[in-house]
Protein backbone atom coordinates (compact mmCIF):
# COMPACT_ATOMS: atom_id res chain seq x y z
CA MET A 1 -5.17 87.76 37.66
CA ASN A 2 -4.32 86.77 34.08
CA LYS A 3 -5.66 83.98 31.88
CA ILE A 4 -4.17 82.69 28.62
CA ILE A 5 -5.84 80.28 26.19
CA LEU A 6 -3.24 78.29 24.23
CA ASP A 7 -4.40 77.90 20.63
CA GLY A 8 -1.32 78.01 18.40
CA LYS A 9 -0.92 81.36 16.67
CA ASN A 10 -4.39 82.28 18.00
CA THR A 11 -3.12 82.07 21.58
CA ARG A 12 -4.65 84.98 23.45
CA LEU A 13 -4.80 86.74 26.79
CA ILE A 14 -8.47 86.83 27.82
CA GLU A 15 -7.99 88.31 31.29
CA SER A 16 -5.24 90.69 32.37
CA ASP A 17 -4.21 92.74 35.37
CA GLY A 18 -1.56 94.59 33.35
CA PHE A 19 1.38 92.92 35.08
CA LEU A 20 2.43 90.70 32.18
CA LYS A 21 3.01 90.97 28.46
CA LEU A 22 2.16 88.25 25.92
CA ASP A 23 3.79 87.96 22.48
CA VAL A 24 2.82 85.25 19.96
CA LEU A 25 4.94 84.51 16.88
CA ASP A 26 5.24 81.76 14.28
CA HIS A 27 8.46 79.92 15.11
CA GLU A 28 8.67 77.55 12.15
CA LYS A 29 5.69 77.33 9.82
CA SER A 30 6.78 74.04 8.28
CA LEU A 31 6.80 72.48 11.75
CA GLU A 32 3.68 74.37 12.86
CA VAL A 33 5.47 75.51 16.01
CA THR A 34 4.33 78.69 17.75
CA ASP A 35 6.64 80.88 19.85
CA ILE A 36 4.89 82.28 22.92
CA LYS A 37 6.73 84.76 25.14
CA ILE A 38 5.37 85.83 28.51
CA ASP A 39 7.08 88.62 30.45
CA ILE A 40 5.94 88.93 34.07
CA GLU A 41 6.88 92.18 35.76
CA LYS A 42 5.13 92.13 39.14
CA ASP A 43 3.43 89.79 41.62
CA THR A 44 0.51 88.10 39.91
CA ASP A 45 -1.45 84.91 39.21
CA LEU A 46 -1.53 83.35 35.75
CA TYR A 47 -3.90 80.65 34.47
CA ILE A 48 -3.08 78.78 31.24
CA GLU A 49 -5.56 76.41 29.60
CA THR A 50 -5.26 74.12 26.57
CA SER A 51 -8.21 72.06 25.43
CA GLY A 52 -9.41 69.98 22.53
CA LYS A 53 -6.70 70.23 19.89
CA ASP A 54 -3.09 69.44 19.07
CA GLU A 55 -0.45 71.97 20.06
CA LYS A 56 3.23 72.50 19.22
CA ASP A 57 4.38 75.44 21.28
CA ASN A 58 7.64 76.94 22.46
CA ILE A 59 6.75 78.90 25.58
CA ILE A 60 9.25 81.28 27.19
CA ILE A 61 8.36 82.73 30.59
CA ASN A 62 10.54 85.56 31.90
CA VAL A 63 10.04 86.50 35.55
CA TYR A 64 11.42 89.93 36.42
CA PRO A 65 13.42 90.73 39.59
CA LYS A 66 11.51 90.28 42.87
CA ALA A 67 8.28 89.28 41.08
CA LYS A 68 6.34 86.46 42.75
CA VAL A 69 4.12 84.45 40.42
CA ASN A 70 1.56 81.67 40.80
CA LEU A 71 1.07 79.79 37.52
CA TYR A 72 -1.77 77.26 37.15
CA GLU A 73 -2.08 75.20 33.96
CA PHE A 74 -4.87 72.83 32.93
CA LYS A 75 -4.42 70.73 29.82
CA THR A 76 -6.92 68.23 28.38
CA LEU A 77 -7.31 66.18 25.20
CA GLY A 78 -5.08 66.48 22.17
CA THR A 79 -1.61 65.30 21.18
CA HIS A 80 0.89 67.89 22.33
CA LYS A 81 4.56 68.81 21.97
CA PHE A 82 5.71 71.62 24.21
CA GLN A 83 8.93 73.28 25.24
CA TYR A 84 8.84 75.55 28.27
CA THR A 85 11.68 77.83 29.33
CA TYR A 86 11.51 79.63 32.67
CA ASN A 87 14.01 82.46 33.09
CA MET A 88 14.18 83.59 36.70
CA ASP A 89 15.77 86.90 37.67
CA LYS A 90 17.11 88.06 41.04
CA GLU A 91 14.84 87.22 43.99
CA SER A 92 12.03 86.19 41.66
CA GLU A 93 9.77 83.27 42.57
CA ILE A 94 7.33 81.12 40.63
CA HIS A 95 4.97 78.48 41.95
CA VAL A 96 3.73 76.20 39.15
CA GLU A 97 0.84 73.73 39.35
CA LYS A 98 -0.07 71.66 36.29
CA VAL A 99 -2.99 69.24 35.87
CA TYR A 100 -3.01 67.13 32.68
CA ASP A 101 -5.42 64.63 31.13
CA ILE A 102 -4.32 64.44 27.50
CA ASN A 103 -4.08 61.90 24.69
CA SER A 104 -0.28 62.06 24.49
CA ASN A 105 2.44 64.53 25.34
CA ASN A 106 6.14 65.17 24.74
CA GLU A 107 7.37 68.00 26.89
CA MET A 108 10.73 69.63 27.55
CA THR A 109 11.07 72.07 30.45
CA ILE A 110 14.16 74.23 30.92
CA MET A 111 14.51 76.16 34.16
CA ASN A 112 17.16 78.88 34.34
CA LEU A 113 17.52 80.17 37.88
CA ASN A 114 19.71 83.03 36.77
CA GLY A 115 19.26 85.45 39.62
CA GLU A 116 20.51 85.17 43.18
CA LYS A 117 17.79 83.90 45.55
CA SER A 118 15.50 82.94 42.69
CA LYS A 119 13.10 80.07 43.33
CA ILE A 120 10.93 77.59 41.42
CA ASP A 121 8.32 75.33 43.01
CA TYR A 122 6.92 73.01 40.33
CA VAL A 123 4.15 70.42 40.71
CA LEU A 124 2.84 68.25 37.84
CA LYS A 125 -0.13 65.87 38.11
CA THR A 126 -1.04 63.71 35.12
CA VAL A 127 -3.15 60.69 34.18
CA SER A 128 -1.43 58.94 31.27
CA GLU A 129 -3.53 56.71 29.04
CA SER A 130 -1.19 56.84 26.02
CA ASN A 131 2.43 58.01 25.68
CA GLU A 132 3.74 60.83 27.85
CA LYS A 133 7.35 61.92 28.23
CA TYR A 134 8.66 64.78 30.35
CA ASN A 135 12.24 66.07 30.34
CA PHE A 136 13.50 68.68 32.79
CA LEU A 137 16.78 70.61 32.80
CA VAL A 138 17.17 72.72 35.94
CA TYR A 139 20.12 75.14 35.88
CA HIS A 140 21.10 76.88 39.10
CA ASN A 141 23.05 79.83 37.75
CA GLY A 142 22.43 82.18 40.66
CA LYS A 143 23.67 81.74 44.22
CA ASN A 144 21.18 80.71 46.92
CA SER A 145 18.63 79.64 44.30
CA ILE A 146 16.04 76.96 45.08
CA SER A 147 14.25 74.38 42.93
CA ASN A 148 11.59 71.97 44.16
CA ILE A 149 10.36 69.67 41.36
CA ILE A 150 7.47 67.27 42.07
CA ASN A 151 6.07 65.03 39.33
CA ASN A 152 3.20 62.62 40.08
CA GLY A 153 1.61 60.46 37.40
CA VAL A 154 -0.89 57.61 37.18
CA ASN A 155 -0.34 55.30 34.22
CA ILE A 156 -3.43 53.45 32.90
CA LEU A 157 -4.86 51.69 29.82
CA ASP A 158 -2.27 51.83 26.99
CA GLY A 159 -0.14 54.40 28.76
CA THR A 160 3.60 54.76 29.15
CA LEU A 161 5.02 57.50 31.33
CA GLU A 162 8.53 58.87 31.62
CA PHE A 163 10.08 61.53 33.87
CA ASN A 164 13.68 62.60 33.23
CA VAL A 165 14.87 65.31 35.63
CA SER A 166 18.39 66.75 35.72
CA GLY A 167 19.61 69.42 38.12
CA PHE A 168 22.86 71.36 37.54
CA VAL A 169 25.01 73.46 39.87
CA ASN A 170 28.41 74.70 38.70
CA ARG A 171 31.39 75.36 40.93
CA GLY A 172 31.13 78.65 42.75
CA VAL A 173 27.32 78.78 42.69
CA THR A 174 26.93 78.36 46.45
CA GLY A 175 24.00 78.02 48.82
CA CYS A 176 21.58 76.31 46.41
CA ASP A 177 18.79 73.84 47.24
CA VAL A 178 18.10 71.28 44.48
CA ASN A 179 15.18 68.93 45.14
CA GLN A 180 13.36 66.34 43.03
CA ASP A 181 10.48 64.01 43.91
CA ASN A 182 9.15 61.83 41.06
CA ARG A 183 6.50 59.17 41.58
CA ILE A 184 4.50 57.02 39.14
CA LEU A 185 1.53 54.86 40.04
CA ASN A 186 1.70 52.27 37.26
CA LEU A 187 -1.55 50.32 36.90
CA THR A 188 -0.48 48.53 33.72
CA ARG A 189 2.21 46.12 32.58
CA ASN A 190 3.61 48.84 30.35
CA PHE A 191 7.05 50.35 30.75
CA CYS A 192 7.46 53.47 32.87
CA VAL A 193 10.73 55.31 33.55
CA ILE A 194 12.08 57.76 36.08
CA GLU A 195 15.61 59.11 35.62
CA PRO A 196 16.64 61.51 38.39
CA ASN A 197 20.02 63.15 37.83
CA LEU A 198 22.02 65.59 39.94
CA PHE A 199 25.12 67.19 38.41
CA ILE A 200 26.64 69.09 41.32
CA ASP A 201 30.10 70.67 41.12
CA GLU A 202 29.90 72.65 44.37
CA TYR A 203 30.10 71.49 47.99
CA ASP A 204 27.94 74.23 49.50
CA VAL A 205 24.70 72.81 48.10
CA VAL A 206 21.77 70.79 49.45
CA ALA A 207 20.62 68.26 46.81
CA ASN A 208 18.00 65.51 47.13
CA HIS A 209 16.07 63.24 44.83
CA ALA A 210 13.38 60.60 45.32
CA ALA A 211 11.95 58.25 42.70
CA HIS A 212 9.28 55.58 42.98
CA ILE A 213 7.33 53.45 40.50
CA GLY A 214 4.73 51.10 41.96
CA THR A 215 1.06 50.26 42.23
CA PHE A 216 -1.63 50.48 44.89
CA SER A 217 -0.57 49.22 48.29
CA GLU A 218 -2.30 45.86 48.90
CA ASP A 219 -2.55 46.74 52.60
CA SER A 220 -4.32 50.01 51.79
CA ILE A 221 -6.77 48.29 49.41
CA PHE A 222 -7.42 45.55 51.97
CA TYR A 223 -7.97 48.08 54.76
CA LEU A 224 -10.53 50.07 52.76
CA MET A 225 -12.35 46.96 51.54
CA SER A 226 -12.49 45.61 55.10
CA ARG A 227 -14.45 48.78 55.93
CA GLY A 228 -17.10 47.90 53.34
CA ILE A 229 -15.69 49.88 50.42
CA ASP A 230 -15.62 48.09 47.05
CA GLN A 231 -12.32 47.80 45.18
CA LYS A 232 -13.13 50.37 42.48
CA THR A 233 -14.09 52.98 45.05
CA ALA A 234 -10.99 52.15 47.09
CA GLU A 235 -8.79 52.71 44.03
CA ASN A 236 -10.61 55.98 43.35
CA LEU A 237 -9.92 57.22 46.89
CA LEU A 238 -6.26 56.20 46.81
CA THR A 239 -5.75 57.85 43.42
CA LYS A 240 -7.30 61.07 44.66
CA GLY A 241 -5.08 60.98 47.73
CA PHE A 242 -2.04 60.60 45.49
CA LEU A 243 -2.87 63.17 42.81
CA LEU A 244 -4.69 65.86 44.79
CA LYS A 245 -1.95 66.23 47.36
CA GLY A 246 0.08 69.40 46.91
CA ILE A 247 -2.19 71.35 44.54
CA THR A 248 -4.58 74.19 45.27
CA LYS A 249 -6.23 74.89 41.89
CA TYR A 250 -8.10 72.71 39.37
CA THR A 251 -8.83 70.26 42.19
CA ASP A 252 -12.47 69.80 41.12
CA GLU A 253 -11.39 69.17 37.52
CA LEU A 254 -8.80 66.63 38.66
CA SER A 255 -11.39 64.86 40.83
CA GLU A 256 -13.69 64.63 37.79
CA ILE A 257 -10.85 63.17 35.71
CA ILE A 258 -10.23 60.50 38.35
CA ASN A 259 -13.96 59.75 38.58
CA LYS A 260 -14.02 59.29 34.80
CA TYR A 261 -11.56 56.40 35.03
CA TRP A 262 -12.64 54.97 38.40
CA ARG A 263 -16.43 55.07 38.45
């Protein structure tokens, strides 16, 4: 197992199994951006945590051939600007789970599935109380590559939330699976956006997208309240059902975040 604490140029690896290499460089001092490069050579788990301060990071993650990686990221507080680039080699796989409760965030994620039979499973869970924007560019450059992108957010208080996801497959890149599922539970009158895009120039591809922006189901609230549960507790339970589904790590932390807003 490996654990990285994101802290600008003081970003550090505090636990290591020797299967990855971390390099930290100043990208542009005037912009206070830090370049962080992570090379993953073999099967491993990686935990990344950011807490309590503003971050502007450019994070590049290179997954070597046949390496299988589980990446778990927990981000709280702060006003953040991040760019992530995942470079996937032949038969490499990465499973990403992210749990966010931050002041505001602007994030760009670039996924390069360069190798044949490379795979990315990506799950983001966030509670947005201010402004959060997420852009994804998913490039299937290798044949028989797979991407499964799931973004779930709950928008509250003064929040706005935006998911823009674009998947690309060029002609001749056959046998790919390109999947997107973006859902926002908007509990405000503020503007939320989902833009799912599929740019497919090859017939031998399976491509799907789903997008939904809504609020709590009145039938679900009514059902729970008819069983003697008050409305606040009912909303807490429904939010947990929505956000906890599909993640395996940081579940206790996410439950505490939900309890903070729905006591």
